[in-house]
Amino acid sequence: MKKNIAIFKDVVCEMEVYSSDIAMDYMGCHYVFCSEQCLERFRLNPHLYIGYPGSESPKHAGVEVLKKRKMKLAEALPPEVENMFIDYIGSMMGIHLVEVDGDSVTIVYDLMQATEAQIEKKITDIGLMLGDGMMEKIKRAFIDYIEEIEVESLEARRGSGGCHHH
């Protein structure tokens, strides 16, 4: 007897998902995600992806918000680690480019799918340290704040809600 496999669509990255292990209910609808990263993006700003009643969500309208950020690492990456680092960060949803130049990392990403804070966490999760000078810390905090404001302003303010499982 064949077992039916349910196929869901992640509303953040639009990837087909065959498991409901990473999921949440919101406004009476059940949403399934391909990764914790997409779940976190949705949890923080759900209306970027589902809109409000009477208006299309920015995601469904095809909005893409590319950001180019330069981050300082506490120390330069050894050449033998550089490609692994690039592949690891590049595997995140929404990452378009990762370049390493000594202790400086340049990343281009879509703010609709990833935030600098998520990228920072991914970097520190593998045991690397970001530059810890006062100016670097202030810069990262400022960027996190600006991204939060920008994302909030992108959310449709009026009017599509309802369940979207395109």
Protein backbone atom coordinates (compact mmCIF):
# COMPACT_ATOMS: atom_id res chain seq x y z
CA MET A 1 0.00 0.00 0.00
CA LYS A 2 1.44 3.35 -1.04
CA LYS A 3 1.67 6.02 1.58
CA ASN A 4 0.68 9.52 0.47
CA ILE A 5 3.44 12.03 1.02
CA ALA A 6 2.25 15.53 1.77
CA ILE A 7 4.11 18.26 -0.07
CA PHE A 8 4.19 21.72 1.47
CA LYS A 9 5.65 24.95 0.17
CA ASP A 10 7.83 27.07 2.43
CA VAL A 11 6.31 30.58 2.25
CA VAL A 12 9.71 32.22 2.87
CA CYS A 13 11.96 30.56 0.25
CA GLU A 14 9.23 28.73 -1.74
CA MET A 15 11.08 25.41 -1.49
CA GLU A 16 8.97 22.24 -1.57
CA VAL A 17 9.03 20.55 1.82
CA TYR A 18 8.14 16.90 2.42
CA SER A 19 8.14 16.97 6.20
CA SER A 20 6.29 19.07 8.72
CA ASP A 21 9.03 18.83 11.36
CA ILE A 22 9.71 22.58 11.22
CA ALA A 23 6.31 24.24 11.37
CA MET A 24 4.13 26.74 13.17
CA ASP A 25 0.52 27.82 13.26
CA TYR A 26 -0.27 31.48 12.68
CA MET A 27 -3.67 33.16 12.44
CA GLY A 28 -5.41 29.79 12.11
CA CYS A 29 -3.13 28.51 9.33
CA HIS A 30 -0.41 25.88 9.44
CA TYR A 31 2.93 26.78 7.83
CA VAL A 32 5.81 24.39 7.14
CA PHE A 33 9.42 25.46 6.63
CA CYS A 34 12.53 23.92 5.09
CA SER A 35 14.85 25.21 7.82
CA GLU A 36 15.03 26.98 11.17
CA GLN A 37 16.30 30.01 9.24
CA CYS A 38 13.05 30.28 7.24
CA LEU A 39 10.95 29.64 10.36
CA GLU A 40 12.77 32.47 12.16
CA ARG A 41 12.30 34.88 9.21
CA PHE A 42 8.56 34.08 9.16
CA ARG A 43 8.16 34.28 12.94
CA LEU A 44 9.75 37.76 13.04
CA ASN A 45 7.75 39.24 10.11
CA PRO A 46 4.99 36.89 8.92
CA HIS A 47 3.19 39.50 6.84
CA LEU A 48 6.19 39.86 4.53
CA TYR A 49 5.23 36.40 3.29
CA ILE A 50 1.44 36.20 3.72
CA GLY A 51 0.37 39.84 3.50
CA TYR A 52 -2.73 41.23 5.16
CA PRO A 53 -6.38 40.86 4.05
CA GLY A 54 -6.81 42.83 0.82
CA SER A 55 -3.14 43.25 -0.07
CA GLU A 56 -0.48 41.09 -1.67
CA SER A 57 2.54 40.20 0.44
CA PRO A 58 5.89 41.66 -0.59
CA LYS A 59 7.18 38.09 -1.13
CA HIS A 60 4.37 37.22 -3.55
CA ALA A 61 4.89 40.56 -5.30
CA GLY A 62 8.46 39.42 -6.03
CA VAL A 63 10.21 41.88 -3.73
CA GLU A 64 13.90 41.19 -3.30
CA VAL A 65 16.06 43.36 -1.03
CA LEU A 66 19.74 42.76 -1.73
CA LYS A 67 22.20 43.87 0.92
CA LYS A 68 25.98 43.95 0.66
CA ARG A 69 27.72 43.83 4.03
CA LYS A 70 31.35 43.74 5.00
CA MET A 71 32.15 42.03 8.28
CA LYS A 72 35.43 41.85 10.15
CA LEU A 73 36.58 38.58 11.66
CA ALA A 74 38.74 38.58 14.79
CA GLU A 75 41.51 37.06 12.67
CA ALA A 76 42.16 36.13 9.04
CA LEU A 77 40.94 32.75 7.85
CA PRO A 78 43.69 30.29 6.95
CA PRO A 79 43.67 29.70 3.16
CA GLU A 80 42.79 26.01 3.65
CA VAL A 81 39.59 27.01 5.53
CA GLU A 82 38.48 29.82 3.21
CA ASN A 83 36.59 27.68 0.65
CA MET A 84 34.85 25.65 3.36
CA PHE A 85 33.75 28.91 5.01
CA ILE A 86 32.46 30.29 1.70
CA ASP A 87 30.49 27.06 1.03
CA TYR A 88 29.12 26.96 4.59
CA ILE A 89 27.82 30.54 4.60
CA GLY A 90 26.77 30.24 0.94
CA SER A 91 24.50 27.31 1.87
CA MET A 92 22.18 29.64 3.79
CA MET A 93 18.93 30.66 2.09
CA GLY A 94 19.15 34.04 0.39
CA ILE A 95 22.96 34.24 0.16
CA HIS A 96 24.08 35.46 -3.27
CA LEU A 97 27.83 36.00 -2.75
CA VAL A 98 30.51 35.34 -0.14
CA GLU A 99 34.02 36.73 -0.56
CA VAL A 100 36.91 36.52 1.91
CA ASP A 101 39.89 38.87 1.96
CA GLY A 102 42.05 38.16 4.99
CA ASP A 103 39.97 39.06 8.05
CA SER A 104 37.31 40.80 5.97
CA VAL A 105 34.20 39.00 4.67
CA THR A 106 31.85 40.52 2.09
CA ILE A 107 28.40 38.96 1.82
CA VAL A 108 25.53 39.81 -0.53
CA TYR A 109 22.17 38.49 0.65
CA ASP A 110 18.43 38.95 0.20
CA LEU A 111 16.96 40.53 3.32
CA MET A 112 13.67 38.76 2.56
CA GLN A 113 15.42 35.45 3.34
CA ALA A 114 18.36 36.24 5.62
CA THR A 115 19.48 38.94 8.02
CA GLU A 116 22.93 40.01 9.05
CA ALA A 117 22.13 38.74 12.56
CA GLN A 118 21.41 35.25 11.15
CA ILE A 119 24.67 35.35 9.17
CA GLU A 120 26.58 36.47 12.27
CA LYS A 121 25.08 33.56 14.23
CA LYS A 122 26.07 31.08 11.51
CA ILE A 123 29.64 32.44 11.60
CA THR A 124 29.90 32.17 15.39
CA ASP A 125 28.21 28.73 15.40
CA ILE A 126 31.28 27.32 13.63
CA GLY A 127 33.59 28.80 16.24
CA LEU A 128 34.78 31.91 14.42
CA MET A 129 34.89 35.22 16.22
CA LEU A 130 33.72 38.47 14.70
CA GLY A 131 35.80 41.60 15.23
CA ASP A 132 35.18 42.71 18.80
CA GLY A 133 36.34 46.32 18.63
CA MET A 134 33.84 48.88 19.88
CA MET A 135 33.25 50.31 16.37
CA GLU A 136 32.59 46.84 14.92
CA LYS A 137 30.07 46.08 17.68
CA ILE A 138 28.32 49.42 17.16
CA LYS A 139 28.24 48.90 13.39
CA ARG A 140 26.67 45.43 13.74
CA ALA A 141 24.08 46.69 16.23
CA PHE A 142 23.23 49.61 13.94
CA ILE A 143 22.85 47.32 10.90
CA ASP A 144 20.62 44.93 12.89
CA TYR A 145 18.43 47.88 13.92
CA ILE A 146 18.26 49.33 10.39
CA GLU A 147 17.37 45.91 8.91
CA GLU A 148 14.63 45.44 11.50
CA ILE A 149 13.11 48.84 10.61
CA GLU A 150 13.45 48.18 6.87
CA VAL A 151 11.75 44.79 7.09
CA GLU A 152 8.93 46.19 9.21
CA SER A 153 8.34 48.92 6.63
CA LEU A 154 8.15 46.31 3.86
CA GLU A 155 5.30 44.43 5.50
CA ALA A 156 2.02 45.13 3.76
CA ARG A 157 0.11 47.39 6.12
CA ARG A 158 -3.41 46.90 5.00
CA GLY A 159 -5.73 44.73 3.53
CA SER A 160 -4.19 39.27 1.78
CA GLY A 161 -3.96 37.30 4.84
CA GLY A 162 -5.31 33.86 4.85
CA CYS A 163 -3.39 30.70 4.30
CA HIS A 164 -0.87 30.69 1.45
CA HIS A 165 0.48 27.34 0.40
CA HIS A 166 1.05 28.08 -3.29
